[in-house]
mmCIF file of all heavy atoms, coordinates in Angstrom:
data_MODEL
# 
_entry.id   MODEL 
# 
loop_
_atom_site.group_PDB 
_atom_site.id 
_atom_site.type_symbol 
_atom_site.label_atom_id 
_atom_site.label_alt_id 
_atom_site.label_comp_id 
_atom_site.label_asym_id 
_atom_site.label_entity_id 
_atom_site.label_seq_id 
_atom_site.pdbx_PDB_ins_code 
_atom_site.Cartn_x 
_atom_site.Cartn_y 
_atom_site.Cartn_z 
_atom_site.occupancy 
_atom_site.B_iso_or_equiv 
_atom_site.pdbx_formal_charge 
_atom_site.auth_seq_id 
_atom_site.auth_comp_id 
_atom_site.auth_asym_id 
_atom_site.auth_atom_id 
_atom_site.pdbx_PDB_model_num 
ATOM 1   N N   . THR A 1 1  ? -5.577  4.090   20.679 1.00 0.00 ? 1  THR A N   1 
ATOM 2   C CA  . THR A 1 1  ? -5.706  3.871   22.111 1.00 0.00 ? 1  THR A CA  1 
ATOM 3   C C   . THR A 1 1  ? -6.351  2.512   22.342 1.00 0.00 ? 1  THR A C   1 
ATOM 4   O O   . THR A 1 1  ? -7.322  2.151   21.659 1.00 0.00 ? 1  THR A O   1 
ATOM 5   C CB  . THR A 1 1  ? -6.590  4.966   22.748 1.00 0.00 ? 1  THR A CB  1 
ATOM 6   O OG1 . THR A 1 1  ? -6.007  6.236   22.460 1.00 0.00 ? 1  THR A OG1 1 
ATOM 7   C CG2 . THR A 1 1  ? -6.696  4.795   24.247 1.00 0.00 ? 1  THR A CG2 1 
ATOM 8   N N   . VAL A 1 2  ? -5.824  1.763   23.307 1.00 0.00 ? 2  VAL A N   1 
ATOM 9   C CA  . VAL A 1 2  ? -6.389  0.456   23.656 1.00 0.00 ? 2  VAL A CA  1 
ATOM 10  C C   . VAL A 1 2  ? -7.730  0.674   24.335 1.00 0.00 ? 2  VAL A C   1 
ATOM 11  O O   . VAL A 1 2  ? -7.835  1.378   25.329 1.00 0.00 ? 2  VAL A O   1 
ATOM 12  C CB  . VAL A 1 2  ? -5.431  -0.331  24.579 1.00 0.00 ? 2  VAL A CB  1 
ATOM 13  C CG1 . VAL A 1 2  ? -6.089  -1.625  25.057 1.00 0.00 ? 2  VAL A CG1 1 
ATOM 14  C CG2 . VAL A 1 2  ? -4.117  -0.624  23.867 1.00 0.00 ? 2  VAL A CG2 1 
ATOM 15  N N   . ARG A 1 3  ? -8.782  0.054   23.784 1.00 0.00 ? 3  ARG A N   1 
ATOM 16  C CA  . ARG A 1 3  ? -10.139 0.184   24.313 1.00 0.00 ? 3  ARG A CA  1 
ATOM 17  C C   . ARG A 1 3  ? -10.656 -1.073  24.996 1.00 0.00 ? 3  ARG A C   1 
ATOM 18  O O   . ARG A 1 3  ? -11.717 -1.059  25.598 1.00 0.00 ? 3  ARG A O   1 
ATOM 19  C CB  . ARG A 1 3  ? -11.100 0.558   23.183 1.00 0.00 ? 3  ARG A CB  1 
ATOM 20  C CG  . ARG A 1 3  ? -10.952 1.977   22.701 1.00 0.00 ? 3  ARG A CG  1 
ATOM 21  C CD  . ARG A 1 3  ? -11.600 2.915   23.719 1.00 0.00 ? 3  ARG A CD  1 
ATOM 22  N NE  . ARG A 1 3  ? -11.453 4.299   23.371 1.00 0.00 ? 3  ARG A NE  1 
ATOM 23  C CZ  . ARG A 1 3  ? -12.340 5.028   22.730 1.00 0.00 ? 3  ARG A CZ  1 
ATOM 24  N NH1 . ARG A 1 3  ? -13.457 4.479   22.325 1.00 0.00 ? 3  ARG A NH1 1 
ATOM 25  N NH2 . ARG A 1 3  ? -12.117 6.291   22.486 1.00 0.00 ? 3  ARG A NH2 1 
ATOM 26  N N   . SER A 1 4  ? -9.919  -2.189  24.864 1.00 0.00 ? 4  SER A N   1 
ATOM 27  C CA  . SER A 1 4  ? -10.336 -3.415  25.550 1.00 0.00 ? 4  SER A CA  1 
ATOM 28  C C   . SER A 1 4  ? -9.095  -4.196  25.942 1.00 0.00 ? 4  SER A C   1 
ATOM 29  O O   . SER A 1 4  ? -8.075  -4.149  25.257 1.00 0.00 ? 4  SER A O   1 
ATOM 30  C CB  . SER A 1 4  ? -11.235 -4.272  24.669 1.00 0.00 ? 4  SER A CB  1 
ATOM 31  O OG  . SER A 1 4  ? -10.476 -4.871  23.630 1.00 0.00 ? 4  SER A OG  1 
ATOM 32  N N   . LEU A 1 5  ? -9.202  -4.917  27.028 1.00 0.00 ? 5  LEU A N   1 
ATOM 33  C CA  . LEU A 1 5  ? -8.122  -5.814  27.414 1.00 0.00 ? 5  LEU A CA  1 
ATOM 34  C C   . LEU A 1 5  ? -8.082  -6.980  26.438 1.00 0.00 ? 5  LEU A C   1 
ATOM 35  O O   . LEU A 1 5  ? -9.089  -7.310  25.812 1.00 0.00 ? 5  LEU A O   1 
ATOM 36  C CB  . LEU A 1 5  ? -8.346  -6.314  28.835 1.00 0.00 ? 5  LEU A CB  1 
ATOM 37  C CG  . LEU A 1 5  ? -8.276  -5.245  29.927 1.00 0.00 ? 5  LEU A CG  1 
ATOM 38  C CD1 . LEU A 1 5  ? -8.622  -5.853  31.273 1.00 0.00 ? 5  LEU A CD1 1 
ATOM 39  C CD2 . LEU A 1 5  ? -6.912  -4.580  29.961 1.00 0.00 ? 5  LEU A CD2 1 
ATOM 40  N N   . PRO A 1 6  ? -6.923  -7.623  26.276 1.00 0.00 ? 6  PRO A N   1 
ATOM 41  C CA  . PRO A 1 6  ? -6.853  -8.767  25.378 1.00 0.00 ? 6  PRO A CA  1 
ATOM 42  C C   . PRO A 1 6  ? -7.877  -9.836  25.762 1.00 0.00 ? 6  PRO A C   1 
ATOM 43  O O   . PRO A 1 6  ? -8.014  -10.203 26.931 1.00 0.00 ? 6  PRO A O   1 
ATOM 44  C CB  . PRO A 1 6  ? -5.422  -9.276  25.576 1.00 0.00 ? 6  PRO A CB  1 
ATOM 45  C CG  . PRO A 1 6  ? -4.655  -8.057  25.992 1.00 0.00 ? 6  PRO A CG  1 
ATOM 46  C CD  . PRO A 1 6  ? -5.611  -7.285  26.848 1.00 0.00 ? 6  PRO A CD  1 
ATOM 47  N N   . ALA A 1 7  ? -8.605  -10.301 24.763 1.00 0.00 ? 7  ALA A N   1 
ATOM 48  C CA  . ALA A 1 7  ? -9.630  -11.328 24.962 1.00 0.00 ? 7  ALA A CA  1 
ATOM 49  C C   . ALA A 1 7  ? -9.822  -12.063 23.644 1.00 0.00 ? 7  ALA A C   1 
ATOM 50  O O   . ALA A 1 7  ? -9.521  -11.542 22.573 1.00 0.00 ? 7  ALA A O   1 
ATOM 51  C CB  . ALA A 1 7  ? -10.944 -10.690 25.405 1.00 0.00 ? 7  ALA A CB  1 
ATOM 52  N N   . LEU A 1 8  ? -10.359 -13.263 23.731 1.00 0.00 ? 8  LEU A N   1 
ATOM 53  C CA  . LEU A 1 8  ? -10.638 -14.022 22.520 1.00 0.00 ? 8  LEU A CA  1 
ATOM 54  C C   . LEU A 1 8  ? -11.784 -13.369 21.762 1.00 0.00 ? 8  LEU A C   1 
ATOM 55  O O   . LEU A 1 8  ? -12.856 -13.131 22.325 1.00 0.00 ? 8  LEU A O   1 
ATOM 56  C CB  . LEU A 1 8  ? -10.992 -15.462 22.865 1.00 0.00 ? 8  LEU A CB  1 
ATOM 57  C CG  . LEU A 1 8  ? -9.843  -16.317 23.384 1.00 0.00 ? 8  LEU A CG  1 
ATOM 58  C CD1 . LEU A 1 8  ? -10.353 -17.683 23.816 1.00 0.00 ? 8  LEU A CD1 1 
ATOM 59  C CD2 . LEU A 1 8  ? -8.754  -16.460 22.333 1.00 0.00 ? 8  LEU A CD2 1 
ATOM 60  N N   . SER A 1 9  ? -11.535 -13.051 20.501 1.00 0.00 ? 9  SER A N   1 
ATOM 61  C CA  . SER A 1 9  ? -12.574 -12.479 19.648 1.00 0.00 ? 9  SER A CA  1 
ATOM 62  C C   . SER A 1 9  ? -12.198 -12.714 18.187 1.00 0.00 ? 9  SER A C   1 
ATOM 63  O O   . SER A 1 9  ? -11.091 -13.146 17.886 1.00 0.00 ? 9  SER A O   1 
ATOM 64  C CB  . SER A 1 9  ? -12.773 -10.985 19.933 1.00 0.00 ? 9  SER A CB  1 
ATOM 65  O OG  . SER A 1 9  ? -11.630 -10.254 19.552 1.00 0.00 ? 9  SER A OG  1 
ATOM 66  N N   . GLU A 1 10 ? -13.145 -12.421 17.319 1.00 0.00 ? 10 GLU A N   1 
ATOM 67  C CA  . GLU A 1 10 ? -12.939 -12.607 15.882 1.00 0.00 ? 10 GLU A CA  1 
ATOM 68  C C   . GLU A 1 10 ? -12.892 -11.252 15.186 1.00 0.00 ? 10 GLU A C   1 
ATOM 69  O O   . GLU A 1 10 ? -13.352 -10.249 15.725 1.00 0.00 ? 10 GLU A O   1 
ATOM 70  C CB  . GLU A 1 10 ? -14.082 -13.436 15.296 1.00 0.00 ? 10 GLU A CB  1 
ATOM 71  C CG  . GLU A 1 10 ? -14.157 -14.826 15.873 1.00 0.00 ? 10 GLU A CG  1 
ATOM 72  C CD  . GLU A 1 10 ? -15.202 -15.689 15.187 1.00 0.00 ? 10 GLU A CD  1 
ATOM 73  O OE1 . GLU A 1 10 ? -15.424 -15.518 13.976 1.00 0.00 ? 10 GLU A OE1 1 
ATOM 74  O OE2 . GLU A 1 10 ? -15.788 -16.527 15.880 1.00 0.00 ? 10 GLU A OE2 1 
ATOM 75  N N   . ASP A 1 11 ? -12.363 -11.248 13.952 1.00 0.00 ? 11 ASP A N   1 
ATOM 76  C CA  . ASP A 1 11 ? -12.421 -10.053 13.124 1.00 0.00 ? 11 ASP A CA  1 
ATOM 77  C C   . ASP A 1 11 ? -13.873 -9.716  12.825 1.00 0.00 ? 11 ASP A C   1 
ATOM 78  O O   . ASP A 1 11 ? -14.716 -10.612 12.719 1.00 0.00 ? 11 ASP A O   1 
ATOM 79  C CB  . ASP A 1 11 ? -11.717 -10.283 11.770 1.00 0.00 ? 11 ASP A CB  1 
ATOM 80  C CG  . ASP A 1 11 ? -10.210 -10.171 11.851 1.00 0.00 ? 11 ASP A CG  1 
ATOM 81  O OD1 . ASP A 1 11 ? -9.698  -9.319  12.587 1.00 0.00 ? 11 ASP A OD1 1 
ATOM 82  O OD2 . ASP A 1 11 ? -9.541  -10.952 11.140 1.00 0.00 ? 11 ASP A OD2 1 
ATOM 83  N N   . THR A 1 12 ? -14.155 -8.437  12.652 1.00 0.00 ? 12 THR A N   1 
ATOM 84  C CA  . THR A 1 12 ? -15.473 -8.036  12.180 1.00 0.00 ? 12 THR A CA  1 
ATOM 85  C C   . THR A 1 12 ? -15.538 -8.295  10.678 1.00 0.00 ? 12 THR A C   1 
ATOM 86  O O   . THR A 1 12 ? -14.519 -8.536  10.026 1.00 0.00 ? 12 THR A O   1 
ATOM 87  C CB  . THR A 1 12 ? -15.732 -6.543  12.446 1.00 0.00 ? 12 THR A CB  1 
ATOM 88  O OG1 . THR A 1 12 ? -14.798 -5.772  11.672 1.00 0.00 ? 12 THR A OG1 1 
ATOM 89  C CG2 . THR A 1 12 ? -15.599 -6.203  13.929 1.00 0.00 ? 12 THR A CG2 1 
ATOM 90  N N   . GLU A 1 13 ? -16.724 -8.222  10.121 1.00 0.00 ? 13 GLU A N   1 
ATOM 91  C CA  . GLU A 1 13 ? -16.891 -8.404  8.681  1.00 0.00 ? 13 GLU A CA  1 
ATOM 92  C C   . GLU A 1 13 ? -16.061 -7.384  7.904  1.00 0.00 ? 13 GLU A C   1 
ATOM 93  O O   . GLU A 1 13 ? -15.426 -7.712  6.902  1.00 0.00 ? 13 GLU A O   1 
ATOM 94  C CB  . GLU A 1 13 ? -18.376 -8.254  8.324  1.00 0.00 ? 13 GLU A CB  1 
ATOM 95  C CG  . GLU A 1 13 ? -18.860 -9.268  7.333  1.00 0.00 ? 13 GLU A CG  1 
ATOM 96  C CD  . GLU A 1 13 ? -20.354 -9.163  7.133  1.00 0.00 ? 13 GLU A CD  1 
ATOM 97  O OE1 . GLU A 1 13 ? -21.095 -9.697  7.970  1.00 0.00 ? 13 GLU A OE1 1 
ATOM 98  O OE2 . GLU A 1 13 ? -20.752 -8.550  6.124  1.00 0.00 ? 13 GLU A OE2 1 
ATOM 99  N N   . ALA A 1 14 ? -16.062 -6.138  8.357  1.00 0.00 ? 14 ALA A N   1 
ATOM 100 C CA  . ALA A 1 14 ? -15.290 -5.080  7.682  1.00 0.00 ? 14 ALA A CA  1 
ATOM 101 C C   . ALA A 1 14 ? -13.793 -5.371  7.739  1.00 0.00 ? 14 ALA A C   1 
ATOM 102 O O   . ALA A 1 14 ? -13.062 -5.090  6.784  1.00 0.00 ? 14 ALA A O   1 
ATOM 103 C CB  . ALA A 1 14 ? -15.598 -3.724  8.317  1.00 0.00 ? 14 ALA A CB  1 
ATOM 104 N N   . GLU A 1 15 ? -13.322 -5.946  8.847  1.00 0.00 ? 15 GLU A N   1 
ATOM 105 C CA  . GLU A 1 15 ? -11.900 -6.261  8.969  1.00 0.00 ? 15 GLU A CA  1 
ATOM 106 C C   . GLU A 1 15 ? -11.505 -7.432  8.074  1.00 0.00 ? 15 GLU A C   1 
ATOM 107 O O   . GLU A 1 15 ? -10.439 -7.417  7.458  1.00 0.00 ? 15 GLU A O   1 
ATOM 108 C CB  . GLU A 1 15 ? -11.561 -6.574  10.437 1.00 0.00 ? 15 GLU A CB  1 
ATOM 109 C CG  . GLU A 1 15 ? -11.665 -5.356  11.326 1.00 0.00 ? 15 GLU A CG  1 
ATOM 110 C CD  . GLU A 1 15 ? -11.708 -5.674  12.802 1.00 0.00 ? 15 GLU A CD  1 
ATOM 111 O OE1 . GLU A 1 15 ? -12.024 -6.827  13.191 1.00 0.00 ? 15 GLU A OE1 1 
ATOM 112 O OE2 . GLU A 1 15 ? -11.450 -4.758  13.596 1.00 0.00 ? 15 GLU A OE2 1 
ATOM 113 N N   . VAL A 1 16 ? -12.369 -8.427  7.951  1.00 0.00 ? 16 VAL A N   1 
ATOM 114 C CA  . VAL A 1 16 ? -12.085 -9.587  7.099  1.00 0.00 ? 16 VAL A CA  1 
ATOM 115 C C   . VAL A 1 16 ? -11.923 -9.146  5.652  1.00 0.00 ? 16 VAL A C   1 
ATOM 116 O O   . VAL A 1 16 ? -11.086 -9.678  4.917  1.00 0.00 ? 16 VAL A O   1 
ATOM 117 C CB  . VAL A 1 16 ? -13.194 -10.664 7.240  1.00 0.00 ? 16 VAL A CB  1 
ATOM 118 C CG1 . VAL A 1 16 ? -13.054 -11.749 6.183  1.00 0.00 ? 16 VAL A CG1 1 
ATOM 119 C CG2 . VAL A 1 16 ? -13.158 -11.271 8.632  1.00 0.00 ? 16 VAL A CG2 1 
ATOM 120 N N   . GLU A 1 17 ? -12.675 -8.150  5.227  1.00 0.00 ? 17 GLU A N   1 
ATOM 121 C CA  . GLU A 1 17 ? -12.591 -7.663  3.844  1.00 0.00 ? 17 GLU A CA  1 
ATOM 122 C C   . GLU A 1 17 ? -11.240 -7.035  3.517  1.00 0.00 ? 17 GLU A C   1 
ATOM 123 O O   . GLU A 1 17 ? -10.919 -6.833  2.351  1.00 0.00 ? 17 GLU A O   1 
ATOM 124 C CB  . GLU A 1 17 ? -13.716 -6.661  3.577  1.00 0.00 ? 17 GLU A CB  1 
ATOM 125 C CG  . GLU A 1 17 ? -15.083 -7.307  3.565  1.00 0.00 ? 17 GLU A CG  1 
ATOM 126 C CD  . GLU A 1 17 ? -16.198 -6.309  3.348  1.00 0.00 ? 17 GLU A CD  1 
ATOM 127 O OE1 . GLU A 1 17 ? -15.922 -5.159  2.954  1.00 0.00 ? 17 GLU A OE1 1 
ATOM 128 O OE2 . GLU A 1 17 ? -17.358 -6.692  3.584  1.00 0.00 ? 17 GLU A OE2 1 
ATOM 129 N N   . LEU A 1 18 ? -10.427 -6.737  4.505  1.00 0.00 ? 18 LEU A N   1 
ATOM 130 C CA  . LEU A 1 18 ? -9.137  -6.090  4.284  1.00 0.00 ? 18 LEU A CA  1 
ATOM 131 C C   . LEU A 1 18 ? -7.996  -7.072  4.034  1.00 0.00 ? 18 LEU A C   1 
ATOM 132 O O   . LEU A 1 18 ? -6.878  -6.665  3.768  1.00 0.00 ? 18 LEU A O   1 
ATOM 133 C CB  . LEU A 1 18 ? -8.802  -5.172  5.463  1.00 0.00 ? 18 LEU A CB  1 
ATOM 134 C CG  . LEU A 1 18 ? -9.817  -4.042  5.669  1.00 0.00 ? 18 LEU A CG  1 
ATOM 135 C CD1 . LEU A 1 18 ? -9.514  -3.278  6.943  1.00 0.00 ? 18 LEU A CD1 1 
ATOM 136 C CD2 . LEU A 1 18 ? -9.842  -3.109  4.477  1.00 0.00 ? 18 LEU A CD2 1 
ATOM 137 N N   . TYR A 1 19 ? -8.293  -8.375  4.112  1.00 0.00 ? 19 TYR A N   1 
ATOM 138 C CA  . TYR A 1 19 ? -7.300  -9.383  3.744  1.00 0.00 ? 19 TYR A CA  1 
ATOM 139 C C   . TYR A 1 19 ? -7.339  -9.517  2.224  1.00 0.00 ? 19 TYR A C   1 
ATOM 140 O O   . TYR A 1 19 ? -8.411  -9.548  1.633  1.00 0.00 ? 19 TYR A O   1 
ATOM 141 C CB  . TYR A 1 19 ? -7.628  -10.733 4.392  1.00 0.00 ? 19 TYR A CB  1 
ATOM 142 C CG  . TYR A 1 19 ? -7.467  -10.747 5.897  1.00 0.00 ? 19 TYR A CG  1 
ATOM 143 C CD1 . TYR A 1 19 ? -8.559  -10.575 6.739  1.00 0.00 ? 19 TYR A CD1 1 
ATOM 144 C CD2 . TYR A 1 19 ? -6.211  -10.928 6.474  1.00 0.00 ? 19 TYR A CD2 1 
ATOM 145 C CE1 . TYR A 1 19 ? -8.411  -10.596 8.122  1.00 0.00 ? 19 TYR A CE1 1 
ATOM 146 C CE2 . TYR A 1 19 ? -6.061  -10.943 7.850  1.00 0.00 ? 19 TYR A CE2 1 
ATOM 147 C CZ  . TYR A 1 19 ? -7.158  -10.773 8.671  1.00 0.00 ? 19 TYR A CZ  1 
ATOM 148 O OH  . TYR A 1 19 ? -7.015  -10.790 10.032 1.00 0.00 ? 19 TYR A OH  1 
ATOM 149 N N   . PRO A 1 20 ? -6.175  -9.606  1.560  1.00 0.00 ? 20 PRO A N   1 
ATOM 150 C CA  . PRO A 1 20 ? -6.189  -9.705  0.088  1.00 0.00 ? 20 PRO A CA  1 
ATOM 151 C C   . PRO A 1 20 ? -6.873  -10.973 -0.411 1.00 0.00 ? 20 PRO A C   1 
ATOM 152 O O   . PRO A 1 20 ? -7.492  -10.961 -1.466 1.00 0.00 ? 20 PRO A O   1 
ATOM 153 C CB  . PRO A 1 20 ? -4.715  -9.683  -0.304 1.00 0.00 ? 20 PRO A CB  1 
ATOM 154 C CG  . PRO A 1 20 ? -3.949  -9.928  0.938  1.00 0.00 ? 20 PRO A CG  1 
ATOM 155 C CD  . PRO A 1 20 ? -4.836  -9.593  2.093  1.00 0.00 ? 20 PRO A CD  1 
ATOM 156 N N   . ASP A 1 21 ? -6.753  -12.047 0.304  1.00 0.00 ? 21 ASP A N   1 
ATOM 157 C CA  . ASP A 1 21 ? -7.419  -13.295 -0.060 1.00 0.00 ? 21 ASP A CA  1 
ATOM 158 C C   . ASP A 1 21 ? -8.348  -13.663 1.089  1.00 0.00 ? 21 ASP A C   1 
ATOM 159 O O   . ASP A 1 21 ? -9.413  -13.126 1.220  1.00 0.00 ? 21 ASP A O   1 
ATOM 160 C CB  . ASP A 1 21 ? -6.393  -14.407 -0.317 1.00 0.00 ? 21 ASP A CB  1 
ATOM 161 C CG  . ASP A 1 21 ? -5.496  -14.077 -1.506 1.00 0.00 ? 21 ASP A CG  1 
ATOM 162 O OD1 . ASP A 1 21 ? -6.042  -13.662 -2.551 1.00 0.00 ? 21 ASP A OD1 1 
ATOM 163 O OD2 . ASP A 1 21 ? -4.273  -14.198 -1.385 1.00 0.00 ? 21 ASP A OD2 1 
ATOM 164 N N   . GLU A 1 22 ? -7.900  -14.539 1.925  1.00 0.00 ? 22 GLU A N   1 
ATOM 165 C CA  . GLU A 1 22 ? -8.620  -14.872 3.155  1.00 0.00 ? 22 GLU A CA  1 
ATOM 166 C C   . GLU A 1 22 ? -7.623  -14.739 4.298  1.00 0.00 ? 22 GLU A C   1 
ATOM 167 O O   . GLU A 1 22 ? -6.415  -14.743 4.080  1.00 0.00 ? 22 GLU A O   1 
ATOM 168 C CB  . GLU A 1 22 ? -9.208  -16.279 3.097  1.00 0.00 ? 22 GLU A CB  1 
ATOM 169 C CG  . GLU A 1 22 ? -8.186  -17.378 3.014  1.00 0.00 ? 22 GLU A CG  1 
ATOM 170 C CD  . GLU A 1 22 ? -8.841  -18.743 3.034  1.00 0.00 ? 22 GLU A CD  1 
ATOM 171 O OE1 . GLU A 1 22 ? -9.831  -18.935 2.322  1.00 0.00 ? 22 GLU A OE1 1 
ATOM 172 O OE2 . GLU A 1 22 ? -8.350  -19.609 3.762  1.00 0.00 ? 22 GLU A OE2 1 
ATOM 173 N N   . PRO A 1 23 ? -8.101  -14.591 5.517  1.00 0.00 ? 23 PRO A N   1 
ATOM 174 C CA  . PRO A 1 23 ? -7.167  -14.479 6.636  1.00 0.00 ? 23 PRO A CA  1 
ATOM 175 C C   . PRO A 1 23 ? -6.274  -15.712 6.721  1.00 0.00 ? 23 PRO A C   1 
ATOM 176 O O   . PRO A 1 23 ? -6.742  -16.831 6.516  1.00 0.00 ? 23 PRO A O   1 
ATOM 177 C CB  . PRO A 1 23 ? -8.078  -14.390 7.862  1.00 0.00 ? 23 PRO A CB  1 
ATOM 178 C CG  . PRO A 1 23 ? -9.404  -13.946 7.347  1.00 0.00 ? 23 PRO A CG  1 
ATOM 179 C CD  . PRO A 1 23 ? -9.493  -14.499 5.950  1.00 0.00 ? 23 PRO A CD  1 
ATOM 180 N N   . PRO A 1 24 ? -4.981  -15.508 6.999  1.00 0.00 ? 24 PRO A N   1 
ATOM 181 C CA  . PRO A 1 24 ? -4.110  -16.664 7.225  1.00 0.00 ? 24 PRO A CA  1 
ATOM 182 C C   . PRO A 1 24 ? -4.657  -17.490 8.401  1.00 0.00 ? 24 PRO A C   1 
ATOM 183 O O   . PRO A 1 24 ? -5.347  -16.946 9.269  1.00 0.00 ? 24 PRO A O   1 
ATOM 184 C CB  . PRO A 1 24 ? -2.762  -16.039 7.587  1.00 0.00 ? 24 PRO A CB  1 
ATOM 185 C CG  . PRO A 1 24 ? -2.832  -14.643 7.079  1.00 0.00 ? 24 PRO A CG  1 
ATOM 186 C CD  . PRO A 1 24 ? -4.277  -14.245 7.122  1.00 0.00 ? 24 PRO A CD  1 
ATOM 187 N N   . PRO A 1 25 ? -4.347  -18.780 8.439  1.00 0.00 ? 25 PRO A N   1 
ATOM 188 C CA  . PRO A 1 25 ? -4.895  -19.641 9.496  1.00 0.00 ? 25 PRO A CA  1 
ATOM 189 C C   . PRO A 1 25 ? -4.686  -19.100 10.914 1.00 0.00 ? 25 PRO A C   1 
ATOM 190 O O   . PRO A 1 25 ? -5.565  -19.225 11.755 1.00 0.00 ? 25 PRO A O   1 
ATOM 191 C CB  . PRO A 1 25 ? -4.159  -20.965 9.295  1.00 0.00 ? 25 PRO A CB  1 
ATOM 192 C CG  . PRO A 1 25 ? -3.793  -20.973 7.849  1.00 0.00 ? 25 PRO A CG  1 
ATOM 193 C CD  . PRO A 1 25 ? -3.522  -19.538 7.501  1.00 0.00 ? 25 PRO A CD  1 
ATOM 194 N N   . ASP A 1 26 ? -3.532  -18.492 11.179 1.00 0.00 ? 26 ASP A N   1 
ATOM 195 C CA  . ASP A 1 26 ? -3.273  -18.012 12.541 1.00 0.00 ? 26 ASP A CA  1 
ATOM 196 C C   . ASP A 1 26 ? -3.964  -16.681 12.850 1.00 0.00 ? 26 ASP A C   1 
ATOM 197 O O   . ASP A 1 26 ? -3.767  -16.110 13.917 1.00 0.00 ? 26 ASP A O   1 
ATOM 198 C CB  . ASP A 1 26 ? -1.780  -17.953 12.841 1.00 0.00 ? 26 ASP A CB  1 
ATOM 199 C CG  . ASP A 1 26 ? -0.992  -17.093 11.874 1.00 0.00 ? 26 ASP A CG  1 
ATOM 200 O OD1 . ASP A 1 26 ? -1.476  -16.850 10.746 1.00 0.00 ? 26 ASP A OD1 1 
ATOM 201 O OD2 . ASP A 1 26 ? 0.099   -16.653 12.234 1.00 0.00 ? 26 ASP A OD2 1 
ATOM 202 N N   . PHE A 1 27 ? -4.797  -16.190 11.926 1.00 0.00 ? 27 PHE A N   1 
ATOM 203 C CA  . PHE A 1 27 ? -5.602  -14.997 12.170 1.00 0.00 ? 27 PHE A CA  1 
ATOM 204 C C   . PHE A 1 27 ? -7.100  -15.316 12.109 1.00 0.00 ? 27 PHE A C   1 
ATOM 205 O O   . PHE A 1 27 ? -7.925  -14.451 12.362 1.00 0.00 ? 27 PHE A O   1 
ATOM 206 C CB  . PHE A 1 27 ? -5.284  -13.900 11.145 1.00 0.00 ? 27 PHE A CB  1 
ATOM 207 C CG  . PHE A 1 27 ? -3.969  -13.226 11.391 1.00 0.00 ? 27 PHE A CG  1 
ATOM 208 C CD1 . PHE A 1 27 ? -2.788  -13.791 10.951 1.00 0.00 ? 27 PHE A CD1 1 
ATOM 209 C CD2 . PHE A 1 27 ? -3.902  -12.027 12.080 1.00 0.00 ? 27 PHE A CD2 1 
ATOM 210 C CE1 . PHE A 1 27 ? -1.565  -13.185 11.176 1.00 0.00 ? 27 PHE A CE1 1 
ATOM 211 C CE2 . PHE A 1 27 ? -2.693  -11.402 12.311 1.00 0.00 ? 27 PHE A CE2 1 
ATOM 212 C CZ  . PHE A 1 27 ? -1.509  -11.990 11.866 1.00 0.00 ? 27 PHE A CZ  1 
ATOM 213 N N   . GLN A 1 28 ? -7.440  -16.542 11.726 1.00 0.00 ? 28 GLN A N   1 
ATOM 214 C CA  . GLN A 1 28 ? -8.836  -16.916 11.572 1.00 0.00 ? 28 GLN A CA  1 
ATOM 215 C C   . GLN A 1 28 ? -9.477  -17.252 12.914 1.00 0.00 ? 28 GLN A C   1 
ATOM 216 O O   . GLN A 1 28 ? -8.801  -17.705 13.841 1.00 0.00 ? 28 GLN A O   1 
ATOM 217 C CB  . GLN A 1 28 ? -8.964  -18.120 10.641 1.00 0.00 ? 28 GLN A CB  1 
ATOM 218 C CG  . GLN A 1 28 ? -8.598  -17.815 9.219  1.00 0.00 ? 28 GLN A CG  1 
ATOM 219 C CD  . GLN A 1 28 ? -8.698  -19.041 8.326  1.00 0.00 ? 28 GLN A CD  1 
ATOM 220 O OE1 . GLN A 1 28 ? -9.173  -20.087 8.726  1.00 0.00 ? 28 GLN A OE1 1 
ATOM 221 N NE2 . GLN A 1 28 ? -8.234  -18.889 7.093  1.00 0.00 ? 28 GLN A NE2 1 
ATOM 222 N N   . GLY A 1 29 ? -10.771 -17.029 12.980 1.00 0.00 ? 29 GLY A N   1 
ATOM 223 C CA  . GLY A 1 29 ? -11.530 -17.430 14.167 1.00 0.00 ? 29 GLY A CA  1 
ATOM 224 C C   . GLY A 1 29 ? -11.161 -16.630 15.397 1.00 0.00 ? 29 GLY A C   1 
ATOM 225 O O   . GLY A 1 29 ? -10.635 -15.521 15.307 1.00 0.00 ? 29 GLY A O   1 
# 
């Protein structure tokens, strides 16, 4: 379920850990 309207934000630390290497450039920041 959508809990927030689209807004500029970053991945949480836990979410960043789910990338096999590092987030691709278009997912960073």
